Amino acid sequence: MRPLFVDCPPFLKQLYEEAGLDRLVPDLEIHVGDPAGDELVALCAGRTHVMNDHSRFSAAILERCPSLRCIVFLGTGAASFVDLEAAQRLGIAVRSYKGYGDRSVAEHAFALMLAAAHRVAEMDRDIRAGLFQPKNSIELLGKTVGVIGTGGIGREMIRLCAGIGMKVLAWNRSGVPSDLPCEAVALDELLRRSDVVSLHLVLNDGTRGLLGRDKLALLKPGAIFVNTARGAIVDEAALVEALESGRIGHAALDVFVEEPLPQDHPFRRLANVTMTPHAAFMSREASINLLRMALEILREELARG
């Protein structure tokens, strides 16, 4: 059977057609929607290769797809959507990739930092509610930003922050490249010294829960915390406590442990939280790169037979 894009969002379908990407895998079948459970199994029946944007392939689902040999996951974070241990046990290759939207995600993190420092979302909400009252803000020139993770996105964030006159500290588990305009420091030192902390790590067994209560307690009083990486890298309950107490001044978040964010989540009621719905990667430019790279990988896998 033809390879299948199991859950193509409408905007990606439009970009796929506009950018002429259909030439890369001409026989690709595209399903627009959000299949789950039995529908997902039915769509994958008889397929050997699929592209997956956001559908959850649990062990139980994978076991019901005996013909499946390869899942090309769009972007990073495949472990959040595909049971990788089950896939390996069943002989299903899971391909993912990075680098498609480094600049877009970094710009989004940078925008969240600015919005938090200048309290943009708070004042926007006030005006819409009928209150026209300026709020004090923070000028970032000369302030210290700590960038955790110096992969493609972290590197772009470092350059952006250095470009507006911020002092940049950086920490990376495998070391910080020497060609970046930053000072390499230990993680605890970064947390203690930074006025802003921006998180740019992948989620894996080594980073899950990395920033727990003890680490968050090291932050300067009133610090700004930005996360465009993955919600599970941070202890959300501890972050809520720090925000409620004012220990952390503001959190600017694009990612959460549970997405969509539950209606009763404390983040929704905190004025010192600015949120976007896991949208950092969704520029037109990054989305075209996302599709193109997935299709190139799918083409490689299909050529292998």
Foldseek 3Di string as FASTA:
>chain_A
DAEEAQADAPVLVVLCVVVVVCVLRVRYHYDHHADADPRSLVVLAPPQEYEYEAAAAELVSVVSNLNHAEYEYQADDVVVRYVVVSCVVSNHHYHHDYDLFLLLLLVVLVVLVVCLQLVVVLQVVCVVVPHNDGDDGHDQAAFEEEEEADDSNSQNNQVVSVVRHYAYEYEYPVDDDPPGRYHYDDLLVNQQRHLEYEYADEDDPVQFQCAELVSNLNHAQQHEYEYLHEARSHDVVSVLVCQVVSSHNAYEYAYHNDPPPDPPDSLVVRSRYHYHPSCSQPDSSSSSSSVNVSSNVSSVVVVVD
